[in-house]
Amino acid sequence: MLPARRYEPYAAIPKPSDYGVPIVPPDFTFNVMRSGEKVADIARTIAAGVGGTAMPTWKGVLPDDDLWAMAHYVASLIALRGSPAADALHARLMGQGPWRAPAPDSPAP
């Protein structure tokens, strides 16, 4: 069974952790990454996951090219930190409003 669709897909939702407190996923355009911000550091974190949290291990699940592409994407978000572009991205994402299912007769995107 598929999980229920989130109606505000860009709002962070706290996830349970092994530490007894819920953890909110990082906002790469705001939070400092404790495991490093170079592409190789990010790729290592994605591949290994983060123990005790909802961040699973992706090595062997994602093809290596996809893992590295994701690391480069995260690095591009980190590069926006503190800039007007980061503020504009936040405003655009949060301003989209709740998700609505497409009309049954609408063409596929």
PDB file of N, CA and C in Angstrom:
ATOM      1  N   MET A   1       0.840  -1.176   0.000  1.00  0.00           N
ATOM      2  CA  MET A   1       0.000   0.000   0.000  1.00  0.00           C
ATOM      3  C   MET A   1       0.884   1.239   0.000  1.00  0.00           C
ATOM      4  N   LEU A   2       0.512   2.208  -0.830  1.00  0.00           N
ATOM      5  CA  LEU A   2       1.268   3.445  -0.915  1.00  0.00           C
ATOM      6  C   LEU A   2       0.971   4.336   0.286  1.00  0.00           C
ATOM      7  N   PRO A   3       1.978   5.097   0.748  1.00  0.00           N
ATOM      8  CA  PRO A   3       1.713   6.031   1.854  1.00  0.00           C
ATOM      9  C   PRO A   3       0.787   7.147   1.379  1.00  0.00           C
ATOM     10  N   ALA A   4       0.112   7.782   2.304  1.00  0.00           N
ATOM     11  CA  ALA A   4      -0.774   8.895   1.966  1.00  0.00           C
ATOM     12  C   ALA A   4       0.050  10.041   1.387  1.00  0.00           C
ATOM     13  N   ARG A   5      -0.514  10.727   0.419  1.00  0.00           N
ATOM     14  CA  ARG A   5       0.165  11.862  -0.194  1.00  0.00           C
ATOM     15  C   ARG A   5       0.192  13.022   0.797  1.00  0.00           C
ATOM     16  N   ARG A   6       1.333  13.670   0.861  1.00  0.00           N
ATOM     17  CA  ARG A   6       1.470  14.857   1.710  1.00  0.00           C
ATOM     18  C   ARG A   6       0.897  16.049   0.967  1.00  0.00           C
ATOM     19  N   TYR A   7       0.077  16.825   1.645  1.00  0.00           N
ATOM     20  CA  TYR A   7      -0.548  17.976   1.001  1.00  0.00           C
ATOM     21  C   TYR A   7       0.330  19.214   1.022  1.00  0.00           C
ATOM     22  N   GLU A   8       1.363  19.234   1.841  1.00  0.00           N
ATOM     23  CA  GLU A   8       2.344  20.316   1.844  1.00  0.00           C
ATOM     24  C   GLU A   8       3.719  19.666   1.701  1.00  0.00           C
ATOM     25  N   PRO A   9       4.078  19.256   0.489  1.00  0.00           N
ATOM     26  CA  PRO A   9       5.286  18.443   0.295  1.00  0.00           C
ATOM     27  C   PRO A   9       6.600  19.128   0.643  1.00  0.00           C
ATOM     28  N   TYR A  10       6.615  20.460   0.762  1.00  0.00           N
ATOM     29  CA  TYR A  10       7.875  21.146   1.054  1.00  0.00           C
ATOM     30  C   TYR A  10       8.018  21.542   2.517  1.00  0.00           C
ATOM     31  N   ALA A  11       7.032  21.238   3.330  1.00  0.00           N
ATOM     32  CA  ALA A  11       7.119  21.524   4.763  1.00  0.00           C
ATOM     33  C   ALA A  11       7.808  20.345   5.453  1.00  0.00           C
ATOM     34  N   ALA A  12       8.778  20.652   6.303  1.00  0.00           N
ATOM     35  CA  ALA A  12       9.515  19.588   7.011  1.00  0.00           C
ATOM     36  C   ALA A  12       8.613  18.905   8.030  1.00  0.00           C
ATOM     37  N   ILE A  13       8.737  17.593   8.109  1.00  0.00           N
ATOM     38  CA  ILE A  13       7.975  16.815   9.079  1.00  0.00           C
ATOM     39  C   ILE A  13       8.967  16.101   9.989  1.00  0.00           C
ATOM     40  N   PRO A  14       8.865  16.286  11.310  1.00  0.00           N
ATOM     41  CA  PRO A  14       9.773  15.576  12.220  1.00  0.00           C
ATOM     42  C   PRO A  14       9.599  14.065  12.091  1.00  0.00           C
ATOM     43  N   LYS A  15      10.716  13.358  12.108  1.00  0.00           N
ATOM     44  CA  LYS A  15      10.727  11.899  12.023  1.00  0.00           C
ATOM     45  C   LYS A  15      11.295  11.332  13.322  1.00  0.00           C
ATOM     46  N   PRO A  16      10.822  10.146  13.719  1.00  0.00           N
ATOM     47  CA  PRO A  16      11.372   9.541  14.936  1.00  0.00           C
ATOM     48  C   PRO A  16      12.864   9.217  14.774  1.00  0.00           C
ATOM     49  N   SER A  17      13.561   9.197  15.881  1.00  0.00           N
ATOM     50  CA  SER A  17      14.975   8.828  15.873  1.00  0.00           C
ATOM     51  C   SER A  17      15.252   7.879  17.032  1.00  0.00           C
ATOM     52  N   ASP A  18      16.432   7.297  17.022  1.00  0.00           N
ATOM     53  CA  ASP A  18      16.860   6.431  18.119  1.00  0.00           C
ATOM     54  C   ASP A  18      17.305   7.243  19.338  1.00  0.00           C
ATOM     55  N   TYR A  19      17.273   8.563  19.234  1.00  0.00           N
ATOM     56  CA  TYR A  19      17.765   9.420  20.305  1.00  0.00           C
ATOM     57  C   TYR A  19      16.648   9.919  21.221  1.00  0.00           C
ATOM     58  N   GLY A  20      15.417   9.471  20.980  1.00  0.00           N
ATOM     59  CA  GLY A  20      14.302   9.838  21.842  1.00  0.00           C
ATOM     60  C   GLY A  20      13.658  11.169  21.524  1.00  0.00           C
ATOM     61  N   VAL A  21      14.149  11.831  20.508  1.00  0.00           N
ATOM     62  CA  VAL A  21      13.540  13.090  20.072  1.00  0.00           C
ATOM     63  C   VAL A  21      13.332  13.025  18.558  1.00  0.00           C
ATOM     64  N   PRO A  22      12.251  13.619  18.075  1.00  0.00           N
ATOM     65  CA  PRO A  22      12.063  13.647  16.625  1.00  0.00           C
ATOM     66  C   PRO A  22      13.099  14.559  15.976  1.00  0.00           C
ATOM     67  N   ILE A  23      13.480  14.227  14.760  1.00  0.00           N
ATOM     68  CA  ILE A  23      14.479  14.999  14.022  1.00  0.00           C
ATOM     69  C   ILE A  23      13.837  15.531  12.748  1.00  0.00           C
ATOM     70  N   VAL A  24      14.058  16.812  12.476  1.00  0.00           N
ATOM     71  CA  VAL A  24      13.563  17.436  11.257  1.00  0.00           C
ATOM     72  C   VAL A  24      14.669  17.341  10.204  1.00  0.00           C
ATOM     73  N   PRO A  25      14.325  16.968   8.968  1.00  0.00           N
ATOM     74  CA  PRO A  25      15.349  16.925   7.919  1.00  0.00           C
ATOM     75  C   PRO A  25      15.983  18.303   7.733  1.00  0.00           C
ATOM     76  N   PRO A  26      17.247  18.361   7.340  1.00  0.00           N
ATOM     77  CA  PRO A  26      17.904  19.661   7.187  1.00  0.00           C
ATOM     78  C   PRO A  26      17.369  20.438   5.991  1.00  0.00           C
ATOM     79  N   ASP A  27      17.422  21.743   6.111  1.00  0.00           N
ATOM     80  CA  ASP A  27      17.180  22.636   4.979  1.00  0.00           C
ATOM     81  C   ASP A  27      18.572  22.996   4.480  1.00  0.00           C
ATOM     82  N   PHE A  28      18.952  22.460   3.338  1.00  0.00           N
ATOM     83  CA  PHE A  28      20.321  22.629   2.851  1.00  0.00           C
ATOM     84  C   PHE A  28      20.665  24.079   2.547  1.00  0.00           C
ATOM     85  N   THR A  29      19.655  24.926   2.331  1.00  0.00           N
ATOM     86  CA  THR A  29      19.930  26.338   2.067  1.00  0.00           C
ATOM     87  C   THR A  29      20.053  27.149   3.353  1.00  0.00           C
ATOM     88  N   PHE A  30      19.880  26.475   4.507  1.00  0.00           N
ATOM     89  CA  PHE A  30      19.927  27.183   5.792  1.00  0.00           C
ATOM     90  C   PHE A  30      20.867  26.505   6.790  1.00  0.00           C
ATOM     91  N   ASN A  31      20.692  25.204   7.022  1.00  0.00           N
ATOM     92  CA  ASN A  31      21.457  24.490   8.046  1.00  0.00           C
ATOM     93  C   ASN A  31      22.878  24.178   7.596  1.00  0.00           C
ATOM     94  N   VAL A  32      23.809  24.189   8.557  1.00  0.00           N
ATOM     95  CA  VAL A  32      25.190  23.777   8.303  1.00  0.00           C
ATOM     96  C   VAL A  32      25.232  22.256   8.384  1.00  0.00           C
ATOM     97  N   MET A  33      25.903  21.624   7.439  1.00  0.00           N
ATOM     98  CA  MET A  33      25.998  20.171   7.407  1.00  0.00           C
ATOM     99  C   MET A  33      27.168  19.724   8.280  1.00  0.00           C
ATOM    100  N   ARG A  34      26.864  18.959   9.296  1.00  0.00           N
ATOM    101  CA  ARG A  34      27.901  18.524  10.237  1.00  0.00           C
ATOM    102  C   ARG A  34      28.846  17.500   9.628  1.00  0.00           C
ATOM    103  N   SER A  35      28.388  16.779   8.607  1.00  0.00           N
ATOM    104  CA  SER A  35      29.232  15.734   8.027  1.00  0.00           C
ATOM    105  C   SER A  35      30.086  16.237   6.870  1.00  0.00           C
ATOM    106  N   GLY A  36      30.049  17.524   6.607  1.00  0.00           N
ATOM    107  CA  GLY A  36      30.864  18.112   5.543  1.00  0.00           C
ATOM    108  C   GLY A  36      30.013  18.591   4.390  1.00  0.00           C
ATOM    109  N   GLU A  37      30.516  19.602   3.687  1.00  0.00           N
ATOM    110  CA  GLU A  37      29.751  20.229   2.621  1.00  0.00           C
ATOM    111  C   GLU A  37      30.386  20.089   1.248  1.00  0.00           C
ATOM    112  N   LYS A  38      31.505  19.379   1.158  1.00  0.00           N
ATOM    113  CA  LYS A  38      32.094  19.095  -0.150  1.00  0.00           C
ATOM    114  C   LYS A  38      31.288  17.968  -0.782  1.00  0.00           C
ATOM    115  N   VAL A  39      31.287  17.916  -2.110  1.00  0.00           N
ATOM    116  CA  VAL A  39      30.497  16.908  -2.821  1.00  0.00           C
ATOM    117  C   VAL A  39      30.854  15.499  -2.351  1.00  0.00           C
ATOM    118  N   ALA A  40      32.133  15.221  -2.127  1.00  0.00           N
ATOM    119  CA  ALA A  40      32.540  13.882  -1.673  1.00  0.00           C
ATOM    120  C   ALA A  40      31.976  13.577  -0.285  1.00  0.00           C
ATOM    121  N   ASP A  41      31.937  14.577   0.597  1.00  0.00           N
ATOM    122  CA  ASP A  41      31.365  14.394   1.938  1.00  0.00           C
ATOM    123  C   ASP A  41      29.870  14.094   1.847  1.00  0.00           C
ATOM    124  N   ILE A  42      29.189  14.849   0.992  1.00  0.00           N
ATOM    125  CA  ILE A  42      27.749  14.672   0.825  1.00  0.00           C
ATOM    126  C   ILE A  42      27.460  13.291   0.241  1.00  0.00           C
ATOM    127  N   ALA A  43      28.228  12.889  -0.767  1.00  0.00           N
ATOM    128  CA  ALA A  43      28.039  11.567  -1.384  1.00  0.00           C
ATOM    129  C   ALA A  43      28.258  10.459  -0.354  1.00  0.00           C
ATOM    130  N   ARG A  44      29.262  10.617   0.489  1.00  0.00           N
ATOM    131  CA  ARG A  44      29.531   9.620   1.528  1.00  0.00           C
ATOM    132  C   ARG A  44      28.353   9.517   2.497  1.00  0.00           C
ATOM    133  N   THR A  45      27.793  10.660   2.877  1.00  0.00           N
ATOM    134  CA  THR A  45      26.661  10.661   3.798  1.00  0.00           C
ATOM    135  C   THR A  45      25.429  10.024   3.163  1.00  0.00           C
ATOM    136  N   ILE A  46      25.166  10.344   1.908  1.00  0.00           N
ATOM    137  CA  ILE A  46      24.027   9.730   1.217  1.00  0.00           C
ATOM    138  C   ILE A  46      24.236   8.226   1.104  1.00  0.00           C
ATOM    139  N   ALA A  47      25.432   7.822   0.748  1.00  0.00           N
ATOM    140  CA  ALA A  47      25.717   6.390   0.574  1.00  0.00           C
ATOM    141  C   ALA A  47      25.591   5.631   1.893  1.00  0.00           C
ATOM    142  N   ALA A  48      26.131   6.191   2.966  1.00  0.00           N
ATOM    143  CA  ALA A  48      26.174   5.489   4.250  1.00  0.00           C
ATOM    144  C   ALA A  48      24.917   5.673   5.085  1.00  0.00           C
ATOM    145  N   GLY A  49      24.158   6.753   4.831  1.00  0.00           N
ATOM    146  CA  GLY A  49      23.017   7.066   5.676  1.00  0.00           C
ATOM    147  C   GLY A  49      23.496   7.693   6.976  1.00  0.00           C
ATOM    148  N   VAL A  50      22.549   7.976   7.858  1.00  0.00           N
ATOM    149  CA  VAL A  50      22.874   8.565   9.153  1.00  0.00           C
ATOM    150  C   VAL A  50      22.244   7.679  10.215  1.00  0.00           C
ATOM    151  N   GLY A  51      23.082   6.928  10.922  1.00  0.00           N
ATOM    152  CA  GLY A  51      22.603   5.992  11.924  1.00  0.00           C
ATOM    153  C   GLY A  51      21.736   6.636  12.980  1.00  0.00           C
ATOM    154  N   GLY A  52      20.683   5.943  13.386  1.00  0.00           N
ATOM    155  CA  GLY A  52      19.800   6.420  14.429  1.00  0.00           C
ATOM    156  C   GLY A  52      18.738   7.391  13.955  1.00  0.00           C
ATOM    157  N   THR A  53      18.743   7.706  12.648  1.00  0.00           N
ATOM    158  CA  THR A  53      17.767   8.648  12.103  1.00  0.00           C
ATOM    159  C   THR A  53      16.980   7.984  10.984  1.00  0.00           C
ATOM    160  N   ALA A  54      16.091   8.738  10.372  1.00  0.00           N
ATOM    161  CA  ALA A  54      15.288   8.222   9.259  1.00  0.00           C
ATOM    162  C   ALA A  54      16.054   8.250   7.931  1.00  0.00           C
ATOM    163  N   MET A  55      17.339   8.664   7.939  1.00  0.00           N
ATOM    164  CA  MET A  55      18.138   8.715   6.712  1.00  0.00           C
ATOM    165  C   MET A  55      18.777   7.353   6.474  1.00  0.00           C
ATOM    166  N   PRO A  56      18.237   6.586   5.512  1.00  0.00           N
ATOM    167  CA  PRO A  56      18.760   5.237   5.283  1.00  0.00           C
ATOM    168  C   PRO A  56      20.058   5.244   4.478  1.00  0.00           C
ATOM    169  N   THR A  57      20.652   4.075   4.367  1.00  0.00           N
ATOM    170  CA  THR A  57      21.809   3.857   3.503  1.00  0.00           C
ATOM    171  C   THR A  57      21.311   3.745   2.069  1.00  0.00           C
ATOM    172  N   TRP A  58      21.929   4.491   1.157  1.00  0.00           N
ATOM    173  CA  TRP A  58      21.506   4.442  -0.242  1.00  0.00           C
ATOM    174  C   TRP A  58      22.498   3.703  -1.132  1.00  0.00           C
ATOM    175  N   LYS A  59      23.689   3.369  -0.608  1.00  0.00           N
ATOM    176  CA  LYS A  59      24.669   2.621  -1.401  1.00  0.00           C
ATOM    177  C   LYS A  59      24.073   1.261  -1.746  1.00  0.00           C
ATOM    178  N   GLY A  60      24.096   0.912  -3.015  1.00  0.00           N
ATOM    179  CA  GLY A  60      23.540  -0.356  -3.454  1.00  0.00           C
ATOM    180  C   GLY A  60      22.055  -0.270  -3.783  1.00  0.00           C
ATOM    181  N   VAL A  61      21.413   0.834  -3.366  1.00  0.00           N
ATOM    182  CA  VAL A  61      20.005   1.045  -3.696  1.00  0.00           C
ATOM    183  C   VAL A  61      19.912   1.954  -4.917  1.00  0.00           C
ATOM    184  N   LEU A  62      20.666   3.046  -4.871  1.00  0.00           N
ATOM    185  CA  LEU A  62      20.764   3.955  -6.011  1.00  0.00           C
ATOM    186  C   LEU A  62      21.987   3.585  -6.842  1.00  0.00           C
ATOM    187  N   PRO A  63      21.893   3.685  -8.156  1.00  0.00           N
ATOM    188  CA  PRO A  63      23.111   3.543  -8.961  1.00  0.00           C
ATOM    189  C   PRO A  63      24.104   4.640  -8.549  1.00  0.00           C
ATOM    190  N   ASP A  64      25.386   4.346  -8.635  1.00  0.00           N
ATOM    191  CA  ASP A  64      26.410   5.321  -8.218  1.00  0.00           C
ATOM    192  C   ASP A  64      26.256   6.662  -8.935  1.00  0.00           C
ATOM    193  N   ASP A  65      25.912   6.642 -10.224  1.00  0.00           N
ATOM    194  CA  ASP A  65      25.736   7.913 -10.949  1.00  0.00           C
ATOM    195  C   ASP A  65      24.617   8.750 -10.322  1.00  0.00           C
ATOM    196  N   ASP A  66      23.528   8.112  -9.906  1.00  0.00           N
ATOM    197  CA  ASP A  66      22.423   8.828  -9.275  1.00  0.00           C
ATOM    198  C   ASP A  66      22.823   9.352  -7.900  1.00  0.00           C
ATOM    199  N   LEU A  67      23.588   8.566  -7.170  1.00  0.00           N
ATOM    200  CA  LEU A  67      24.054   8.989  -5.853  1.00  0.00           C
ATOM    201  C   LEU A  67      24.913  10.244  -5.981  1.00  0.00           C
ATOM    202  N   TRP A  68      25.826  10.247  -6.941  1.00  0.00           N
ATOM    203  CA  TRP A  68      26.689  11.415  -7.138  1.00  0.00           C
ATOM    204  C   TRP A  68      25.890  12.600  -7.676  1.00  0.00           C
ATOM    205  N   ALA A  69      24.900  12.350  -8.532  1.00  0.00           N
ATOM    206  CA  ALA A  69      24.056  13.444  -9.028  1.00  0.00           C
ATOM    207  C   ALA A  69      23.307  14.082  -7.862  1.00  0.00           C
ATOM    208  N   MET A  70      22.812  13.263  -6.939  1.00  0.00           N
ATOM    209  CA  MET A  70      22.116  13.796  -5.775  1.00  0.00           C
ATOM    210  C   MET A  70      23.077  14.620  -4.913  1.00  0.00           C
ATOM    211  N   ALA A  71      24.301  14.150  -4.749  1.00  0.00           N
ATOM    212  CA  ALA A  71      25.295  14.886  -3.965  1.00  0.00           C
ATOM    213  C   ALA A  71      25.578  16.251  -4.596  1.00  0.00           C
ATOM    214  N   HIS A  72      25.690  16.297  -5.908  1.00  0.00           N
ATOM    215  CA  HIS A  72      25.918  17.575  -6.596  1.00  0.00           C
ATOM    216  C   HIS A  72      24.711  18.494  -6.443  1.00  0.00           C
ATOM    217  N   TYR A  73      23.505  17.934  -6.498  1.00  0.00           N
ATOM    218  CA  TYR A  73      22.296  18.743  -6.307  1.00  0.00           C
ATOM    219  C   TYR A  73      22.260  19.340  -4.894  1.00  0.00           C
ATOM    220  N   VAL A  74      22.541  18.522  -3.892  1.00  0.00           N
ATOM    221  CA  VAL A  74      22.568  19.017  -2.513  1.00  0.00           C
ATOM    222  C   VAL A  74      23.636  20.108  -2.379  1.00  0.00           C
ATOM    223  N   ALA A  75      24.799  19.905  -2.987  1.00  0.00           N
ATOM    224  CA  ALA A  75      25.859  20.920  -2.936  1.00  0.00           C
ATOM    225  C   ALA A  75      25.388  22.224  -3.577  1.00  0.00           C
ATOM    226  N   SER A  76      24.582  22.128  -4.641  1.00  0.00           N
ATOM    227  CA  SER A  76      24.079  23.350  -5.286  1.00  0.00           C
ATOM    228  C   SER A  76      23.111  24.087  -4.358  1.00  0.00           C
ATOM    229  N   LEU A  77      22.351  23.355  -3.541  1.00  0.00           N
ATOM    230  CA  LEU A  77      21.468  23.996  -2.561  1.00  0.00           C
ATOM    231  C   LEU A  77      22.283  24.633  -1.442  1.00  0.00           C
ATOM    232  N   ILE A  78      23.322  23.945  -0.997  1.00  0.00           N
ATOM    233  CA  ILE A  78      24.198  24.493   0.043  1.00  0.00           C
ATOM    234  C   ILE A  78      24.843  25.791  -0.438  1.00  0.00           C
ATOM    235  N   ALA A  79      25.209  25.851  -1.718  1.00  0.00           N
ATOM    236  CA  ALA A  79      25.845  27.051  -2.277  1.00  0.00           C
ATOM    237  C   ALA A  79      24.906  28.258  -2.255  1.00  0.00           C
ATOM    238  N   LEU A  80      23.596  28.025  -2.159  1.00  0.00           N
ATOM    239  CA  LEU A  80      22.627  29.123  -2.099  1.00  0.00           C
ATOM    240  C   LEU A  80      22.496  29.730  -0.705  1.00  0.00           C
ATOM    241  N   ARG A  81      23.037  29.051   0.311  1.00  0.00           N
ATOM    242  CA  ARG A  81      22.823  29.460   1.702  1.00  0.00           C
ATOM    243  C   ARG A  81      23.065  30.953   1.899  1.00  0.00           C
ATOM    244  N   GLY A  82      22.082  31.593   2.536  1.00  0.00           N
ATOM    245  CA  GLY A  82      22.209  32.995   2.889  1.00  0.00           C
ATOM    246  C   GLY A  82      22.059  33.965   1.727  1.00  0.00           C
ATOM    247  N   SER A  83      21.646  33.493   0.577  1.00  0.00           N
ATOM    248  CA  SER A  83      21.547  34.371  -0.593  1.00  0.00           C
ATOM    249  C   SER A  83      20.085  34.721  -0.895  1.00  0.00           C
ATOM    250  N   PRO A  84      19.882  35.776  -1.678  1.00  0.00           N
ATOM    251  CA  PRO A  84      18.524  36.085  -2.121  1.00  0.00           C
ATOM    252  C   PRO A  84      17.907  34.928  -2.926  1.00  0.00           C
ATOM    253  N   ALA A  85      18.735  34.170  -3.635  1.00  0.00           N
ATOM    254  CA  ALA A  85      18.219  33.033  -4.404  1.00  0.00           C
ATOM    255  C   ALA A  85      17.621  31.971  -3.480  1.00  0.00           C
ATOM    256  N   ALA A  86      18.225  31.764  -2.308  1.00  0.00           N
ATOM    257  CA  ALA A  86      17.674  30.810  -1.337  1.00  0.00           C
ATOM    258  C   ALA A  86      16.328  31.310  -0.825  1.00  0.00           C
ATOM    259  N   ASP A  87      16.236  32.600  -0.539  1.00  0.00           N
ATOM    260  CA  ASP A  87      14.967  33.177  -0.084  1.00  0.00           C
ATOM    261  C   ASP A  87      13.891  33.043  -1.155  1.00  0.00           C
ATOM    262  N   ALA A  88      14.262  33.285  -2.409  1.00  0.00           N
ATOM    263  CA  ALA A  88      13.304  33.183  -3.512  1.00  0.00           C
ATOM    264  C   ALA A  88      12.831  31.741  -3.695  1.00  0.00           C
ATOM    265  N   LEU A  89      13.754  30.781  -3.551  1.00  0.00           N
ATOM    266  CA  LEU A  89      13.381  29.367  -3.663  1.00  0.00           C
ATOM    267  C   LEU A  89      12.396  28.991  -2.562  1.00  0.00           C
ATOM    268  N   HIS A  90      12.666  29.407  -1.332  1.00  0.00           N
ATOM    269  CA  HIS A  90      11.757  29.142  -0.207  1.00  0.00           C
ATOM    270  C   HIS A  90      10.373  29.724  -0.488  1.00  0.00           C
ATOM    271  N   ALA A  91      10.347  30.968  -0.919  1.00  0.00           N
ATOM    272  CA  ALA A  91       9.069  31.632  -1.176  1.00  0.00           C
ATOM    273  C   ALA A  91       8.296  30.915  -2.277  1.00  0.00           C
ATOM    274  N   ARG A  92       8.995  30.521  -3.327  1.00  0.00           N
ATOM    275  CA  ARG A  92       8.319  29.823  -4.437  1.00  0.00           C
ATOM    276  C   ARG A  92       7.756  28.485  -3.989  1.00  0.00           C
ATOM    277  N   LEU A  93       8.541  27.708  -3.246  1.00  0.00           N
ATOM    278  CA  LEU A  93       8.076  26.387  -2.809  1.00  0.00           C
ATOM    279  C   LEU A  93       6.926  26.490  -1.821  1.00  0.00           C
ATOM    280  N   MET A  94       7.058  27.371  -0.839  1.00  0.00           N
ATOM    281  CA  MET A  94       6.024  27.482   0.189  1.00  0.00           C
ATOM    282  C   MET A  94       4.771  28.174  -0.342  1.00  0.00           C
ATOM    283  N   GLY A  95       4.901  28.930  -1.408  1.00  0.00           N
ATOM    284  CA  GLY A  95       3.762  29.629  -1.981  1.00  0.00           C
ATOM    285  C   GLY A  95       2.939  28.797  -2.938  1.00  0.00           C
ATOM    286  N   GLN A  96       3.344  27.554  -3.147  1.00  0.00           N
ATOM    287  CA  GLN A  96       2.609  26.710  -4.090  1.00  0.00           C
ATOM    288  C   GLN A  96       1.255  26.273  -3.553  1.00  0.00           C
ATOM    289  N   GLY A  97       1.061  26.368  -2.259  1.00  0.00           N
ATOM    290  CA  GLY A  97      -0.208  25.948  -1.678  1.00  0.00           C
ATOM    291  C   GLY A  97      -0.299  24.435  -1.587  1.00  0.00           C
ATOM    292  N   PRO A  98      -1.408  23.952  -1.032  1.00  0.00           N
ATOM    293  CA  PRO A  98      -1.555  22.509  -0.847  1.00  0.00           C
ATOM    294  C   PRO A  98      -1.633  21.768  -2.178  1.00  0.00           C
ATOM    295  N   TRP A  99      -1.219  20.525  -2.148  1.00  0.00           N
ATOM    296  CA  TRP A  99      -1.259  19.679  -3.331  1.00  0.00           C
ATOM    297  C   TRP A  99      -2.705  19.359  -3.673  1.00  0.00           C
ATOM    298  N   ARG A 100      -3.002  19.370  -4.964  1.00  0.00           N
ATOM    299  CA  ARG A 100      -4.320  18.952  -5.438  1.00  0.00           C
ATOM    300  C   ARG A 100      -4.130  17.935  -6.540  1.00  0.00           C
ATOM    301  N   ALA A 101      -4.931  16.902  -6.504  1.00  0.00           N
ATOM    302  CA  ALA A 101      -4.882  15.867  -7.546  1.00  0.00           C
ATOM    303  C   ALA A 101      -5.307  16.485  -8.871  1.00  0.00           C
ATOM    304  N   PRO A 102      -4.661  16.084  -9.972  1.00  0.00           N
ATOM    305  CA  PRO A 102      -5.077  16.604 -11.284  1.00  0.00           C
ATOM    306  C   PRO A 102      -6.473  16.076 -11.635  1.00  0.00           C
ATOM    307  N   ALA A 103      -7.156  16.807 -12.478  1.00  0.00           N
ATOM    308  CA  ALA A 103      -8.464  16.359 -12.947  1.00  0.00           C
ATOM    309  C   ALA A 103      -8.300  15.052 -13.708  1.00  0.00           C
ATOM    310  N   PRO A 104      -9.261  14.155 -13.607  1.00  0.00           N
ATOM    311  CA  PRO A 104      -9.127  12.842 -14.260  1.00  0.00           C
ATOM    312  C   PRO A 104      -8.889  12.919 -15.768  1.00  0.00           C
ATOM    313  N   ASP A 105      -9.371  13.966 -16.417  1.00  0.00           N
ATOM    314  CA  ASP A 105      -9.211  14.046 -17.875  1.00  0.00           C
ATOM    315  C   ASP A 105      -8.004  14.884 -18.313  1.00  0.00           C
ATOM    316  N   SER A 106      -7.175  15.327 -17.350  1.00  0.00           N
ATOM    317  CA  SER A 106      -6.016  16.140 -17.708  1.00  0.00           C
ATOM    318  C   SER A 106      -4.905  15.272 -18.275  1.00  0.00           C
ATOM    319  N   PRO A 107      -4.144  15.796 -19.235  1.00  0.00           N
ATOM    320  CA  PRO A 107      -3.047  15.013 -19.829  1.00  0.00           C
ATOM    321  C   PRO A 107      -1.917  14.826 -18.814  1.00  0.00           C
ATOM    322  N   ALA A 108      -1.177  13.750 -18.981  1.00  0.00           N
ATOM    323  CA  ALA A 108      -0.019  13.484 -18.105  1.00  0.00           C
ATOM    324  C   ALA A 108       1.036  14.542 -18.367  1.00  0.00           C
ATOM    325  N   PRO A 109       1.809  14.927 -17.327  1.00  0.00           N
ATOM    326  CA  PRO A 109       2.858  15.959 -17.528  1.00  0.00           C
ATOM    327  C   PRO A 109       3.970  15.460 -18.402  1.00  0.00           C
TER     328      PRO A 109
END
